[in-house]
Amino acid sequence: MSAAQFLEISITTGITLAIAAVAWWARKYPNRSKTHPERVRIPKAVPIVGWLFVSVGLLMGLWAFTSADGPLGARIGSTAIIIGGLAFLAAYRNFYVVPGAYGIAFRSVLGNEHEHLYSDIVHYSAGVTKGQRFLTVKFVDGVKLSLNITAYDVTPMLRAIDFHHATGRWPVRTEAPQQDIDQQDLDQQRAS
């Protein structure tokens, strides 16, 4: 085996192990918001890639736009790379998911906030894509949520889907909300 082949195999193995380690770490320690710890966000590798794209795009753009003989392709490419990096950063900033016992709250990568009860689910399907388990859920208002359930812990939603599959109905709250109970107590005290 030549030195070049050994170097190529070593680099490929190192990169593969690094990617596997980052993926394992992201699954083991989900990225939670500091201000709202119940919110699970996109892994921290996404903004790192975003900043890397922005940096490379800026350097490439600096050369392409300041050089007298800078090719048009480099100008277009640098702009596209910067826009791609900003898209990664925006997706990281916007997206979160909060699965609860009776519903789920989430914000899409475009920043649209949604909060739905599990009883609002019209259709759900689970499948495997490239070795990752995905769950796709469609709600009554047409909103669709697709999650990698290997990376995001949505155990309450999976329990609700299992409950629906077993009984034919969705789990609902059996107790009245605390605010309604307090209002009823006040009304009873006034009447007596």
C-alpha atoms as a PDB file:
ATOM      1  CA  MET A   1       0.000   0.000   0.000  1.00  0.00           C
ATOM      2  CA  SER A   2       1.445   3.310  -1.021  1.00  0.00           C
ATOM      3  CA  ALA A   3       1.598   6.357   1.200  1.00  0.00           C
ATOM      4  CA  ALA A   4      -1.011   8.146  -0.935  1.00  0.00           C
ATOM      5  CA  GLN A   5      -3.521   5.279  -0.569  1.00  0.00           C
ATOM      6  CA  PHE A   6      -2.872   5.068   3.169  1.00  0.00           C
ATOM      7  CA  LEU A   7      -3.390   8.829   3.513  1.00  0.00           C
ATOM      8  CA  GLU A   8      -6.616   8.689   1.487  1.00  0.00           C
ATOM      9  CA  ILE A   9      -8.005   5.809   3.573  1.00  0.00           C
ATOM     10  CA  SER A  10      -6.988   7.545   6.811  1.00  0.00           C
ATOM     11  CA  ILE A  11      -8.666  10.819   5.840  1.00  0.00           C
ATOM     12  CA  THR A  12     -11.853   9.056   4.677  1.00  0.00           C
ATOM     13  CA  THR A  13     -12.006   6.983   7.867  1.00  0.00           C
ATOM     14  CA  GLY A  14     -11.375  10.053  10.034  1.00  0.00           C
ATOM     15  CA  ILE A  15     -14.109  12.082   8.342  1.00  0.00           C
ATOM     16  CA  THR A  16     -16.581   9.186   8.570  1.00  0.00           C
ATOM     17  CA  LEU A  17     -15.868   8.671  12.268  1.00  0.00           C
ATOM     18  CA  ALA A  18     -16.156  12.416  12.946  1.00  0.00           C
ATOM     19  CA  ILE A  19     -19.552  12.585  11.229  1.00  0.00           C
ATOM     20  CA  ALA A  20     -20.738   9.494  13.134  1.00  0.00           C
ATOM     21  CA  ALA A  21     -19.539  11.003  16.431  1.00  0.00           C
ATOM     22  CA  VAL A  22     -21.348  14.293  15.776  1.00  0.00           C
ATOM     23  CA  ALA A  23     -24.553  12.409  14.842  1.00  0.00           C
ATOM     24  CA  TRP A  24     -24.328  10.268  17.997  1.00  0.00           C
ATOM     25  CA  TRP A  25     -23.710  13.317  20.178  1.00  0.00           C
ATOM     26  CA  ALA A  26     -26.661  15.194  18.618  1.00  0.00           C
ATOM     27  CA  ARG A  27     -29.006  12.279  19.339  1.00  0.00           C
ATOM     28  CA  LYS A  28     -27.734  11.682  22.864  1.00  0.00           C
ATOM     29  CA  TYR A  29     -27.809  15.355  23.876  1.00  0.00           C
ATOM     30  CA  PRO A  30     -30.642  17.119  22.012  1.00  0.00           C
ATOM     31  CA  ASN A  31     -30.243  20.845  21.534  1.00  0.00           C
ATOM     32  CA  ARG A  32     -32.638  22.587  23.927  1.00  0.00           C
ATOM     33  CA  SER A  33     -33.430  26.268  24.115  1.00  0.00           C
ATOM     34  CA  LYS A  34     -31.915  27.992  27.158  1.00  0.00           C
ATOM     35  CA  THR A  35     -34.949  30.221  27.755  1.00  0.00           C
ATOM     36  CA  HIS A  36     -37.510  27.452  27.066  1.00  0.00           C
ATOM     37  CA  PRO A  37     -35.947  24.078  27.972  1.00  0.00           C
ATOM     38  CA  GLU A  38     -38.991  22.138  26.751  1.00  0.00           C
ATOM     39  CA  ARG A  39     -38.216  23.214  23.156  1.00  0.00           C
ATOM     40  CA  VAL A  40     -36.033  20.840  21.173  1.00  0.00           C
ATOM     41  CA  ARG A  41     -34.173  22.599  18.378  1.00  0.00           C
ATOM     42  CA  ILE A  42     -32.134  21.606  15.340  1.00  0.00           C
ATOM     43  CA  PRO A  43     -28.676  20.178  16.200  1.00  0.00           C
ATOM     44  CA  LYS A  44     -25.882  22.722  16.700  1.00  0.00           C
ATOM     45  CA  ALA A  45     -24.009  21.357  13.681  1.00  0.00           C
ATOM     46  CA  VAL A  46     -26.480  23.220  11.430  1.00  0.00           C
ATOM     47  CA  PRO A  47     -25.396  26.763  12.430  1.00  0.00           C
ATOM     48  CA  ILE A  48     -21.753  25.681  12.270  1.00  0.00           C
ATOM     49  CA  VAL A  49     -22.292  24.611   8.661  1.00  0.00           C
ATOM     50  CA  GLY A  50     -24.230  27.841   8.045  1.00  0.00           C
ATOM     51  CA  TRP A  51     -21.399  30.037   9.336  1.00  0.00           C
ATOM     52  CA  LEU A  52     -18.904  27.974   7.331  1.00  0.00           C
ATOM     53  CA  PHE A  53     -20.921  28.581   4.149  1.00  0.00           C
ATOM     54  CA  VAL A  54     -21.225  32.304   4.895  1.00  0.00           C
ATOM     55  CA  SER A  55     -17.467  32.573   5.538  1.00  0.00           C
ATOM     56  CA  VAL A  56     -16.504  30.691   2.377  1.00  0.00           C
ATOM     57  CA  GLY A  57     -19.033  32.686   0.357  1.00  0.00           C
ATOM     58  CA  LEU A  58     -17.691  35.983   1.689  1.00  0.00           C
ATOM     59  CA  LEU A  59     -14.083  35.042   0.925  1.00  0.00           C
ATOM     60  CA  MET A  60     -15.006  33.832  -2.536  1.00  0.00           C
ATOM     61  CA  GLY A  61     -17.119  36.931  -3.134  1.00  0.00           C
ATOM     62  CA  LEU A  62     -14.329  39.187  -1.921  1.00  0.00           C
ATOM     63  CA  TRP A  63     -12.020  37.708  -4.529  1.00  0.00           C
ATOM     64  CA  ALA A  64     -14.657  37.564  -7.304  1.00  0.00           C
ATOM     65  CA  PHE A  65     -16.002  41.093  -6.876  1.00  0.00           C
ATOM     66  CA  THR A  66     -12.724  42.914  -6.165  1.00  0.00           C
ATOM     67  CA  SER A  67     -10.611  41.199  -8.806  1.00  0.00           C
ATOM     68  CA  ALA A  68     -10.593  42.832 -12.233  1.00  0.00           C
ATOM     69  CA  ASP A  69     -10.770  39.479 -13.972  1.00  0.00           C
ATOM     70  CA  GLY A  70     -13.165  37.822 -11.481  1.00  0.00           C
ATOM     71  CA  PRO A  71     -15.354  35.378 -13.398  1.00  0.00           C
ATOM     72  CA  LEU A  72     -19.121  35.816 -13.425  1.00  0.00           C
ATOM     73  CA  GLY A  73     -19.567  32.221 -12.218  1.00  0.00           C
ATOM     74  CA  ALA A  74     -17.583  32.937  -9.063  1.00  0.00           C
ATOM     75  CA  ARG A  75     -19.738  35.985  -8.328  1.00  0.00           C
ATOM     76  CA  ILE A  76     -22.946  34.008  -8.762  1.00  0.00           C
ATOM     77  CA  GLY A  77     -21.537  31.057  -6.809  1.00  0.00           C
ATOM     78  CA  SER A  78     -20.397  33.198  -3.884  1.00  0.00           C
ATOM     79  CA  THR A  79     -23.810  34.842  -3.667  1.00  0.00           C
ATOM     80  CA  ALA A  80     -25.538  31.441  -3.743  1.00  0.00           C
ATOM     81  CA  ILE A  81     -23.222  30.065  -1.041  1.00  0.00           C
ATOM     82  CA  ILE A  82     -23.909  33.063   1.223  1.00  0.00           C
ATOM     83  CA  ILE A  83     -27.678  32.707   0.701  1.00  0.00           C
ATOM     84  CA  GLY A  84     -27.432  28.975   1.475  1.00  0.00           C
ATOM     85  CA  GLY A  85     -25.500  29.696   4.678  1.00  0.00           C
ATOM     86  CA  LEU A  86     -28.061  32.294   5.747  1.00  0.00           C
ATOM     87  CA  ALA A  87     -30.833  29.742   5.070  1.00  0.00           C
ATOM     88  CA  PHE A  88     -29.096  27.278   7.425  1.00  0.00           C
ATOM     89  CA  LEU A  89     -28.822  29.973  10.107  1.00  0.00           C
ATOM     90  CA  ALA A  90     -32.471  31.010   9.694  1.00  0.00           C
ATOM     91  CA  ALA A  91     -33.628  27.380   9.911  1.00  0.00           C
ATOM     92  CA  TYR A  92     -31.635  26.904  13.116  1.00  0.00           C
ATOM     93  CA  ARG A  93     -33.017  30.086  14.631  1.00  0.00           C
ATOM     94  CA  ASN A  94     -36.644  29.335  13.748  1.00  0.00           C
ATOM     95  CA  PHE A  95     -37.301  25.618  14.174  1.00  0.00           C
ATOM     96  CA  TYR A  96     -38.324  23.950  17.436  1.00  0.00           C
ATOM     97  CA  VAL A  97     -40.716  21.227  18.556  1.00  0.00           C
ATOM     98  CA  VAL A  98     -42.462  20.725  21.930  1.00  0.00           C
ATOM     99  CA  PRO A  99     -44.339  17.421  22.222  1.00  0.00           C
ATOM    100  CA  GLY A 100     -46.849  17.316  25.068  1.00  0.00           C
ATOM    101  CA  ALA A 101     -49.208  14.731  26.542  1.00  0.00           C
ATOM    102  CA  TYR A 102     -52.222  15.867  24.482  1.00  0.00           C
ATOM    103  CA  GLY A 103     -50.747  18.035  21.737  1.00  0.00           C
ATOM    104  CA  ILE A 104     -47.662  19.342  20.015  1.00  0.00           C
ATOM    105  CA  ALA A 105     -46.342  22.850  19.502  1.00  0.00           C
ATOM    106  CA  PHE A 106     -43.754  23.611  16.845  1.00  0.00           C
ATOM    107  CA  ARG A 107     -42.330  26.355  14.690  1.00  0.00           C
ATOM    108  CA  SER A 108     -41.397  25.658  11.087  1.00  0.00           C
ATOM    109  CA  VAL A 109     -38.062  26.616   9.536  1.00  0.00           C
ATOM    110  CA  LEU A 110     -39.882  29.588   7.975  1.00  0.00           C
ATOM    111  CA  GLY A 111     -40.967  30.838  11.427  1.00  0.00           C
ATOM    112  CA  ASN A 112     -44.664  29.875  11.368  1.00  0.00           C
ATOM    113  CA  GLU A 113     -45.805  28.803  14.855  1.00  0.00           C
ATOM    114  CA  HIS A 114     -48.339  26.003  15.232  1.00  0.00           C
ATOM    115  CA  GLU A 115     -50.020  24.364  18.195  1.00  0.00           C
ATOM    116  CA  HIS A 116     -52.241  21.328  17.634  1.00  0.00           C
ATOM    117  CA  LEU A 117     -53.951  18.692  19.719  1.00  0.00           C
ATOM    118  CA  TYR A 118     -53.315  15.106  18.715  1.00  0.00           C
ATOM    119  CA  SER A 119     -57.047  14.811  18.021  1.00  0.00           C
ATOM    120  CA  ASP A 120     -56.471  17.300  15.145  1.00  0.00           C
ATOM    121  CA  ILE A 121     -54.373  14.717  13.266  1.00  0.00           C
ATOM    122  CA  VAL A 122     -56.008  13.653  10.022  1.00  0.00           C
ATOM    123  CA  HIS A 123     -53.260  11.405   8.654  1.00  0.00           C
ATOM    124  CA  TYR A 124     -49.970  10.045   9.908  1.00  0.00           C
ATOM    125  CA  SER A 125     -47.351   7.792   8.392  1.00  0.00           C
ATOM    126  CA  ALA A 126     -43.988   6.480   9.476  1.00  0.00           C
ATOM    127  CA  GLY A 127     -41.169   5.283   7.284  1.00  0.00           C
ATOM    128  CA  VAL A 128     -37.451   4.836   6.939  1.00  0.00           C
ATOM    129  CA  THR A 129     -35.409   7.061   4.647  1.00  0.00           C
ATOM    130  CA  LYS A 130     -31.661   6.498   4.343  1.00  0.00           C
ATOM    131  CA  GLY A 131     -31.630   4.562   7.611  1.00  0.00           C
ATOM    132  CA  GLN A 132     -33.471   7.295   9.563  1.00  0.00           C
ATOM    133  CA  ARG A 133     -37.010   6.848  10.917  1.00  0.00           C
ATOM    134  CA  PHE A 134     -39.361   9.653   9.886  1.00  0.00           C
ATOM    135  CA  LEU A 135     -42.869  10.446  11.076  1.00  0.00           C
ATOM    136  CA  THR A 136     -45.108  12.609   8.903  1.00  0.00           C
ATOM    137  CA  VAL A 137     -48.288  14.036  10.426  1.00  0.00           C
ATOM    138  CA  LYS A 138     -50.994  16.086   8.689  1.00  0.00           C
ATOM    139  CA  PHE A 139     -53.434  18.153  10.746  1.00  0.00           C
ATOM    140  CA  VAL A 140     -57.014  19.227   9.971  1.00  0.00           C
ATOM    141  CA  ASP A 141     -55.962  22.726   8.854  1.00  0.00           C
ATOM    142  CA  GLY A 142     -53.557  21.277   6.260  1.00  0.00           C
ATOM    143  CA  VAL A 143     -50.359  21.862   8.260  1.00  0.00           C
ATOM    144  CA  LYS A 144     -47.846  19.070   7.785  1.00  0.00           C
ATOM    145  CA  LEU A 145     -45.068  18.133  10.196  1.00  0.00           C
ATOM    146  CA  SER A 146     -42.329  15.720   9.206  1.00  0.00           C
ATOM    147  CA  LEU A 147     -39.756  14.763  11.857  1.00  0.00           C
ATOM    148  CA  ASN A 148     -36.781  12.479  12.143  1.00  0.00           C
ATOM    149  CA  ILE A 149     -37.955  10.567  15.222  1.00  0.00           C
ATOM    150  CA  THR A 150     -34.462   9.228  15.742  1.00  0.00           C
ATOM    151  CA  ALA A 151     -33.175  12.765  16.342  1.00  0.00           C
ATOM    152  CA  TYR A 152     -36.265  14.292  18.019  1.00  0.00           C
ATOM    153  CA  ASP A 153     -37.849  12.648  21.053  1.00  0.00           C
ATOM    154  CA  VAL A 154     -41.568  12.762  20.312  1.00  0.00           C
ATOM    155  CA  THR A 155     -42.496   9.865  22.594  1.00  0.00           C
ATOM    156  CA  PRO A 156     -45.793  11.507  23.731  1.00  0.00           C
ATOM    157  CA  MET A 157     -46.932  11.805  20.107  1.00  0.00           C
ATOM    158  CA  LEU A 158     -45.936   8.209  19.374  1.00  0.00           C
ATOM    159  CA  ARG A 159     -47.905   7.078  22.449  1.00  0.00           C
ATOM    160  CA  ALA A 160     -50.942   9.019  21.214  1.00  0.00           C
ATOM    161  CA  ILE A 161     -50.625   7.411  17.769  1.00  0.00           C
ATOM    162  CA  ASP A 162     -50.365   3.955  19.377  1.00  0.00           C
ATOM    163  CA  PHE A 163     -53.449   4.786  21.480  1.00  0.00           C
ATOM    164  CA  HIS A 164     -55.323   5.855  18.332  1.00  0.00           C
ATOM    165  CA  HIS A 165     -54.229   2.723  16.515  1.00  0.00           C
ATOM    166  CA  ALA A 166     -55.411   0.497  19.393  1.00  0.00           C
ATOM    167  CA  THR A 167     -58.694   2.233  20.277  1.00  0.00           C
ATOM    168  CA  GLY A 168     -59.685   4.174  17.170  1.00  0.00           C
ATOM    169  CA  ARG A 169     -59.820   7.476  19.054  1.00  0.00           C
ATOM    170  CA  TRP A 170     -57.308  10.061  20.206  1.00  0.00           C
ATOM    171  CA  PRO A 171     -56.422  10.675  23.859  1.00  0.00           C
ATOM    172  CA  VAL A 172     -58.207  13.685  25.328  1.00  0.00           C
ATOM    173  CA  ARG A 173     -57.895  15.527  28.601  1.00  0.00           C
ATOM    174  CA  THR A 174     -60.153  14.073  31.233  1.00  0.00           C
ATOM    175  CA  GLU A 175     -59.867  16.898  33.726  1.00  0.00           C
ATOM    176  CA  ALA A 176     -61.041  20.456  33.304  1.00  0.00           C
ATOM    177  CA  PRO A 177     -58.328  23.091  32.977  1.00  0.00           C
ATOM    178  CA  GLN A 178     -57.315  24.647  36.329  1.00  0.00           C
ATOM    179  CA  GLN A 179     -58.629  28.091  35.316  1.00  0.00           C
ATOM    180  CA  ASP A 180     -62.134  26.667  34.718  1.00  0.00           C
ATOM    181  CA  ILE A 181     -62.085  24.889  38.089  1.00  0.00           C
ATOM    182  CA  ASP A 182     -61.103  28.112  39.873  1.00  0.00           C
ATOM    183  CA  GLN A 183     -63.925  29.999  38.107  1.00  0.00           C
ATOM    184  CA  GLN A 184     -66.439  27.316  39.150  1.00  0.00           C
ATOM    185  CA  ASP A 185     -65.274  27.559  42.775  1.00  0.00           C
ATOM    186  CA  LEU A 186     -65.712  31.344  42.715  1.00  0.00           C
ATOM    187  CA  ASP A 187     -69.202  31.024  41.258  1.00  0.00           C
ATOM    188  CA  GLN A 188     -70.189  28.490  43.942  1.00  0.00           C
ATOM    189  CA  GLN A 189     -68.825  30.722  46.729  1.00  0.00           C
ATOM    190  CA  ARG A 190     -70.802  33.712  45.432  1.00  0.00           C
ATOM    191  CA  ALA A 191     -74.005  31.673  45.228  1.00  0.00           C
ATOM    192  CA  SER A 192     -73.764  30.493  48.862  1.00  0.00           C
END
